[in-house]
Amino acid sequence: MNAVAEFRSATSKGHRKAPLPPKDVLYLCLRMDAGRPIAHVAAEAGISRRCLAK
């Protein structure tokens, strides 16, 4: 299973414009703090780099 599928299976299924739940924000921040580029983390999560930068 790839990273995108793992991330999507671990997250809740909200509507398209729903904000990310706090646990997902924490997960993404931890991945960026671990040294992953923001563009890669955003692509794996299926969101835009701009959205993740907020």
N, C-alpha and C. Protein backbone atom coordinates (compact mmCIF):
# COMPACT_ATOMS: atom_id res chain seq x y z
N MET A 1 0.86 -1.18 0.00
CA MET A 1 0.00 0.00 0.00
C MET A 1 0.91 1.24 0.00
N ASN A 2 0.61 2.19 -0.86
CA ASN A 2 1.45 3.39 -0.92
C ASN A 2 1.04 4.42 0.13
N ALA A 3 1.83 5.49 0.25
CA ALA A 3 1.62 6.48 1.30
C ALA A 3 0.27 7.19 1.15
N VAL A 4 -0.14 7.45 -0.08
CA VAL A 4 -1.42 8.14 -0.30
C VAL A 4 -2.58 7.28 0.19
N ALA A 5 -2.57 6.02 -0.16
CA ALA A 5 -3.64 5.12 0.27
C ALA A 5 -3.66 4.96 1.78
N GLU A 6 -2.47 4.88 2.40
CA GLU A 6 -2.41 4.77 3.85
C GLU A 6 -2.97 6.03 4.51
N PHE A 7 -2.60 7.20 3.97
CA PHE A 7 -3.08 8.45 4.55
C PHE A 7 -4.60 8.55 4.41
N ARG A 8 -5.11 8.24 3.24
CA ARG A 8 -6.55 8.37 3.01
C ARG A 8 -7.34 7.36 3.82
N SER A 9 -6.80 6.18 4.03
CA SER A 9 -7.53 5.19 4.82
C SER A 9 -7.53 5.56 6.29
N ALA A 10 -6.54 6.34 6.73
CA ALA A 10 -6.44 6.72 8.13
C ALA A 10 -7.22 8.00 8.43
N THR A 11 -7.66 8.71 7.41
CA THR A 11 -8.37 9.97 7.62
C THR A 11 -9.86 9.78 7.46
N SER A 12 -10.60 10.73 8.01
CA SER A 12 -12.06 10.67 7.87
C SER A 12 -12.46 11.14 6.48
N LYS A 13 -13.59 10.69 6.02
CA LYS A 13 -14.08 11.06 4.70
C LYS A 13 -15.11 12.18 4.84
N GLY A 14 -14.65 13.42 4.75
CA GLY A 14 -15.54 14.55 4.81
C GLY A 14 -15.85 15.04 3.41
N HIS A 15 -16.55 16.14 3.33
CA HIS A 15 -16.80 16.69 2.01
C HIS A 15 -15.53 17.32 1.47
N ARG A 16 -15.54 17.69 0.21
CA ARG A 16 -14.35 18.12 -0.52
C ARG A 16 -13.66 19.33 0.11
N LYS A 17 -14.42 20.26 0.67
CA LYS A 17 -13.82 21.48 1.20
C LYS A 17 -13.74 21.49 2.73
N ALA A 18 -13.92 20.35 3.34
CA ALA A 18 -13.86 20.27 4.80
C ALA A 18 -12.43 20.52 5.27
N PRO A 19 -12.26 21.26 6.37
CA PRO A 19 -10.91 21.45 6.91
C PRO A 19 -10.37 20.13 7.44
N LEU A 20 -9.08 20.03 7.49
CA LEU A 20 -8.47 18.80 8.00
C LEU A 20 -8.71 18.67 9.50
N PRO A 21 -9.00 17.48 9.97
CA PRO A 21 -9.14 17.26 11.40
C PRO A 21 -7.79 17.47 12.10
N PRO A 22 -7.80 17.83 13.38
CA PRO A 22 -6.55 18.10 14.10
C PRO A 22 -5.54 16.95 14.05
N LYS A 23 -6.01 15.70 14.11
CA LYS A 23 -5.06 14.58 14.07
C LYS A 23 -4.34 14.51 12.73
N ASP A 24 -5.02 14.89 11.65
CA ASP A 24 -4.39 14.89 10.34
C ASP A 24 -3.39 16.03 10.21
N VAL A 25 -3.72 17.18 10.78
CA VAL A 25 -2.80 18.32 10.76
C VAL A 25 -1.52 17.95 11.50
N LEU A 26 -1.67 17.31 12.66
CA LEU A 26 -0.52 16.88 13.43
C LEU A 26 0.34 15.90 12.64
N TYR A 27 -0.30 14.93 12.00
CA TYR A 27 0.41 13.94 11.19
C TYR A 27 1.21 14.62 10.08
N LEU A 28 0.61 15.57 9.39
CA LEU A 28 1.30 16.25 8.30
C LEU A 28 2.45 17.10 8.83
N CYS A 29 2.24 17.77 9.95
CA CYS A 29 3.31 18.59 10.55
C CYS A 29 4.49 17.73 10.98
N LEU A 30 4.20 16.57 11.55
CA LEU A 30 5.28 15.67 11.96
C LEU A 30 6.08 15.18 10.76
N ARG A 31 5.40 14.94 9.67
CA ARG A 31 6.11 14.51 8.45
C ARG A 31 7.01 15.61 7.92
N MET A 32 6.54 16.86 7.97
CA MET A 32 7.37 17.97 7.51
C MET A 32 8.54 18.19 8.47
N ASP A 33 8.31 18.06 9.77
CA ASP A 33 9.38 18.23 10.75
C ASP A 33 10.44 17.14 10.62
N ALA A 34 10.05 16.00 10.09
CA ALA A 34 10.99 14.90 9.89
C ALA A 34 11.90 15.15 8.69
N GLY A 35 11.64 16.21 7.95
CA GLY A 35 12.52 16.57 6.84
C GLY A 35 11.94 16.38 5.46
N ARG A 36 10.69 15.93 5.36
CA ARG A 36 10.07 15.76 4.05
C ARG A 36 9.74 17.14 3.46
N PRO A 37 9.97 17.35 2.18
CA PRO A 37 9.59 18.62 1.55
C PRO A 37 8.07 18.82 1.60
N ILE A 38 7.65 20.06 1.77
CA ILE A 38 6.23 20.38 1.91
C ILE A 38 5.45 19.94 0.67
N ALA A 39 6.04 20.06 -0.50
CA ALA A 39 5.34 19.67 -1.72
C ALA A 39 5.08 18.16 -1.75
N HIS A 40 6.02 17.37 -1.24
CA HIS A 40 5.84 15.91 -1.23
C HIS A 40 4.77 15.50 -0.23
N VAL A 41 4.79 16.12 0.95
CA VAL A 41 3.79 15.81 1.97
C VAL A 41 2.39 16.18 1.47
N ALA A 42 2.27 17.34 0.83
CA ALA A 42 0.98 17.78 0.31
C ALA A 42 0.48 16.82 -0.78
N ALA A 43 1.36 16.39 -1.66
CA ALA A 43 0.97 15.47 -2.72
C ALA A 43 0.51 14.13 -2.14
N GLU A 44 1.21 13.64 -1.13
CA GLU A 44 0.83 12.37 -0.50
C GLU A 44 -0.53 12.47 0.18
N ALA A 45 -0.84 13.66 0.72
CA ALA A 45 -2.10 13.86 1.43
C ALA A 45 -3.24 14.20 0.47
N GLY A 46 -2.92 14.51 -0.77
CA GLY A 46 -3.95 14.85 -1.74
C GLY A 46 -4.48 16.26 -1.58
N ILE A 47 -3.64 17.16 -1.02
CA ILE A 47 -4.03 18.56 -0.88
C ILE A 47 -2.98 19.42 -1.56
N SER A 48 -3.29 20.68 -1.75
CA SER A 48 -2.35 21.57 -2.41
C SER A 48 -1.25 22.00 -1.45
N ARG A 49 -0.11 22.38 -2.00
CA ARG A 49 0.98 22.88 -1.19
C ARG A 49 0.56 24.15 -0.46
N ARG A 50 -0.21 24.96 -1.13
CA ARG A 50 -0.69 26.21 -0.54
C ARG A 50 -1.58 25.95 0.68
N CYS A 51 -2.45 24.96 0.57
CA CYS A 51 -3.32 24.61 1.69
C CYS A 51 -2.49 24.08 2.87
N LEU A 52 -1.50 23.27 2.59
CA LEU A 52 -0.67 22.72 3.65
C LEU A 52 0.19 23.81 4.31
N ALA A 53 0.59 24.79 3.54
CA ALA A 53 1.40 25.86 4.09
C ALA A 53 0.63 26.73 5.09
N LYS A 54 -0.70 26.73 4.98
CA LYS A 54 -1.51 27.51 5.92
C LYS A 54 -1.38 26.92 7.30
